[in-house]
Amino acid sequence: MANPDPSIRTGAGRFARSVNTAMRDAEAARLRAQGWTYRQIADEFGMSHHTSAINAVRRAIQAACVGPAKELIELEVTRLEMISDEVLDILQRQHPLVSHGRVILGEDGQPLLDDDIKLRAVDRYIRARESFRRLLGLDQPVKVDATLTEVSQQDLELQEMLRDAKAKMQLEEQQIVDGGNE
């Protein structure tokens, strides 16, 4: 009894969790927390196998973790955005070059700028953005479904024979059509 309403499907063709299924999963988790075995839970809900009870409890646990996990991710995103904004502010400011506690002046009498501070800020910005991308899973590997077909010399010869046979058949059909018009 994986899904009481088999007509509920996602766009990918999988069964979607109905409200009844979610409630049953939550009740299965509650019974498991009370010490029931998976076999007892399966029997209670008329499930054909104890693995259905295991799956129901797992779905309930996963659903219970979604809300707090989402809140944590949102909090971390906010923190990373604040760090990024602060680093960008540092990048936009002018930083005079200082040596032994004194501002170093150029030949024109103006303070020389310290590029090292900006370069370190760029490194921090990159690290913050990498953390952001990792947190949101933006750099996950892409799955590629590739099919490799090995073509042997025999395959090539058969393809050539098929092309020749089709061409011969088309020629004969054309001769029949042409012969019929004369």
Protein backbone atom coordinates (compact mmCIF):
# COMPACT_ATOMS: atom_id res chain seq x y z
CA MET A 1 0.00 0.00 0.00
CA ALA A 2 2.59 2.52 -1.15
CA ASN A 3 0.07 5.10 -2.33
CA PRO A 4 -3.65 4.86 -1.56
CA ASP A 5 -4.52 6.89 -4.65
CA PRO A 6 -2.57 5.52 -7.63
CA SER A 7 -3.99 8.23 -9.90
CA ILE A 8 -1.79 10.89 -8.25
CA ARG A 9 1.42 11.17 -10.25
CA THR A 10 4.11 13.81 -10.72
CA GLY A 11 5.14 15.21 -14.10
CA ALA A 12 7.92 12.59 -14.15
CA GLY A 13 5.34 9.79 -13.88
CA ARG A 14 6.20 8.92 -10.28
CA PHE A 15 3.59 8.57 -7.57
CA ALA A 16 3.08 11.78 -5.60
CA ARG A 17 2.52 11.69 -1.86
CA SER A 18 -1.11 12.41 -1.11
CA VAL A 19 -2.25 13.93 2.18
CA ASN A 20 -3.47 10.51 3.29
CA THR A 21 -0.10 8.95 2.51
CA ALA A 22 1.73 11.69 4.42
CA MET A 23 -0.57 11.20 7.42
CA ARG A 24 -0.07 7.42 7.30
CA ASP A 25 3.72 7.89 7.06
CA ALA A 26 3.66 10.20 10.10
CA GLU A 27 1.59 7.68 12.06
CA ALA A 28 4.01 4.90 11.06
CA ALA A 29 6.91 7.00 12.38
CA ARG A 30 5.02 7.65 15.62
CA LEU A 31 4.41 3.90 16.07
CA ARG A 32 8.06 3.16 15.33
CA ALA A 33 9.09 5.73 17.97
CA GLN A 34 6.85 3.84 20.44
CA GLY A 35 8.87 0.69 19.80
CA TRP A 36 6.72 -1.10 17.23
CA THR A 37 8.55 -3.33 14.76
CA TYR A 38 8.34 -2.62 11.07
CA ARG A 39 6.42 -5.90 10.64
CA GLN A 40 3.84 -4.73 13.23
CA ILE A 41 3.52 -1.35 11.49
CA ALA A 42 3.10 -3.07 8.11
CA ASP A 43 0.39 -5.31 9.55
CA GLU A 44 -1.37 -2.34 11.18
CA PHE A 45 -1.65 -0.52 7.83
CA GLY A 46 -2.25 -3.59 5.67
CA MET A 47 1.09 -3.27 3.90
CA SER A 48 2.23 -6.36 2.04
CA HIS A 49 5.82 -6.26 3.32
CA HIS A 50 7.75 -4.73 6.21
CA THR A 51 9.92 -2.77 3.75
CA SER A 52 6.84 -0.67 2.96
CA ALA A 53 6.74 0.31 6.63
CA ILE A 54 10.46 1.13 6.55
CA ASN A 55 9.90 3.37 3.52
CA ALA A 56 6.92 5.07 5.17
CA VAL A 57 8.96 5.89 8.30
CA ARG A 58 11.86 7.17 6.16
CA ARG A 59 9.51 9.43 4.18
CA ALA A 60 8.07 10.83 7.42
CA ILE A 61 11.54 11.55 8.81
CA GLN A 62 12.61 13.18 5.55
CA ALA A 63 9.46 15.32 5.45
CA ALA A 64 10.00 16.39 9.06
CA CYS A 65 13.53 17.57 8.26
CA VAL A 66 12.61 19.61 5.19
CA GLY A 67 11.27 22.68 7.02
CA PRO A 68 14.15 23.17 9.49
CA ALA A 69 16.72 22.34 6.79
CA LYS A 70 15.20 24.93 4.48
CA GLU A 71 15.29 27.53 7.26
CA LEU A 72 18.95 26.75 7.93
CA ILE A 73 19.83 27.08 4.26
CA GLU A 74 18.00 30.42 4.07
CA LEU A 75 19.88 31.65 7.16
CA GLU A 76 23.23 30.61 5.68
CA VAL A 77 22.37 32.23 2.35
CA THR A 78 21.58 35.48 4.20
CA ARG A 79 24.89 35.31 6.07
CA LEU A 80 26.86 34.64 2.88
CA GLU A 81 25.10 37.51 1.12
CA MET A 82 26.05 39.84 4.00
CA ILE A 83 29.68 38.71 3.79
CA SER A 84 29.68 39.21 0.03
CA ASP A 85 28.22 42.72 0.40
CA GLU A 86 30.85 43.65 2.99
CA VAL A 87 33.66 42.39 0.76
CA LEU A 88 32.25 44.35 -2.20
CA ASP A 89 32.24 47.49 -0.02
CA ILE A 90 35.92 46.90 0.78
CA LEU A 91 36.66 46.48 -2.92
CA GLN A 92 35.03 49.80 -3.79
CA ARG A 93 37.00 51.82 -1.23
CA GLN A 94 40.44 53.32 -1.88
CA HIS A 95 43.15 51.86 0.38
CA PRO A 96 46.36 53.87 0.78
CA LEU A 97 49.63 51.97 0.90
CA VAL A 98 51.03 52.03 4.44
CA SER A 99 54.55 51.09 5.48
CA HIS A 100 55.87 51.26 9.07
CA GLY A 101 52.75 53.15 10.10
CA ARG A 102 53.11 55.85 7.43
CA VAL A 103 51.13 56.44 4.24
CA ILE A 104 53.41 56.14 1.21
CA LEU A 105 53.10 59.04 -1.22
CA GLY A 106 53.80 58.96 -4.93
CA GLU A 107 55.90 61.46 -6.90
CA ASP A 108 52.83 63.65 -7.31
CA GLY A 109 52.33 63.83 -3.54
CA GLN A 110 49.17 61.66 -3.64
CA PRO A 111 48.94 58.46 -1.55
CA LEU A 112 49.83 55.29 -3.44
CA LEU A 113 47.04 52.70 -3.45
CA ASP A 114 47.46 49.30 -1.82
CA ASP A 115 46.36 46.65 -4.31
CA ASP A 116 47.10 43.82 -1.87
CA ILE A 117 44.03 44.66 0.24
CA LYS A 118 41.79 44.53 -2.83
CA LEU A 119 43.34 41.25 -4.01
CA ARG A 120 42.73 39.65 -0.59
CA ALA A 121 39.14 40.94 -0.67
CA VAL A 122 38.69 39.37 -4.11
CA ASP A 123 39.94 36.04 -2.70
CA ARG A 124 37.46 36.29 0.19
CA TYR A 125 34.66 37.16 -2.20
CA ILE A 126 35.44 34.14 -4.33
CA ARG A 127 35.49 31.89 -1.24
CA ALA A 128 32.13 33.28 -0.09
CA ARG A 129 30.60 32.70 -3.54
CA GLU A 130 32.00 29.14 -3.62
CA SER A 131 30.37 28.48 -0.25
CA PHE A 132 27.12 29.92 -1.61
CA ARG A 133 27.26 27.70 -4.70
CA ARG A 134 28.09 24.61 -2.62
CA LEU A 135 25.26 25.35 -0.17
CA LEU A 136 22.71 25.60 -2.97
CA GLY A 137 24.15 22.66 -4.91
CA LEU A 138 24.85 24.75 -8.00
CA ASP A 139 28.09 22.94 -8.78
CA GLN A 140 26.74 19.42 -8.63
CA PRO A 141 28.06 17.10 -11.32
CA VAL A 142 25.82 16.78 -14.33
CA LYS A 143 24.57 13.30 -15.09
CA VAL A 144 25.15 12.27 -18.66
CA ASP A 145 23.26 9.40 -20.18
CA ALA A 146 25.50 8.22 -22.99
CA THR A 147 25.03 5.18 -25.17
CA LEU A 148 28.03 3.77 -26.92
CA THR A 149 27.42 1.71 -30.02
CA GLU A 150 30.31 -0.21 -31.47
CA VAL A 151 30.20 -0.47 -35.25
CA SER A 152 32.18 -3.31 -36.77
CA GLN A 153 33.33 -3.75 -40.35
CA GLN A 154 30.47 -6.26 -40.82
CA ASP A 155 27.96 -3.62 -39.72
CA LEU A 156 29.34 -1.18 -42.28
CA GLU A 157 29.19 -3.81 -45.04
CA LEU A 158 25.58 -4.66 -44.12
CA GLN A 159 24.63 -0.97 -44.19
CA GLU A 160 26.19 -0.67 -47.65
CA MET A 161 24.33 -3.77 -48.86
CA LEU A 162 21.05 -2.32 -47.56
CA ARG A 163 21.68 1.00 -49.33
CA ASP A 164 22.46 -0.84 -52.59
CA ALA A 165 19.32 -2.99 -52.28
CA LYS A 166 17.15 0.09 -51.61
CA ALA A 167 18.65 1.92 -54.55
CA LYS A 168 18.09 -1.12 -56.82
CA MET A 169 14.48 -1.43 -55.62
CA GLN A 170 13.84 2.29 -56.24
CA LEU A 171 15.34 1.96 -59.73
CA GLU A 172 13.12 -1.04 -60.52
CA GLU A 173 10.04 0.80 -59.23
CA GLN A 174 10.91 3.79 -61.39
CA GLN A 175 11.34 1.53 -64.44
CA ILE A 176 7.93 -0.01 -63.79
CA VAL A 177 6.35 3.43 -63.47
CA ASP A 178 8.14 4.68 -66.59
CA GLY A 179 7.30 1.50 -68.51
CA GLY A 180 3.66 1.86 -67.61
CA ASN A 181 3.48 5.42 -69.03
CA GLU A 182 4.89 4.54 -72.46
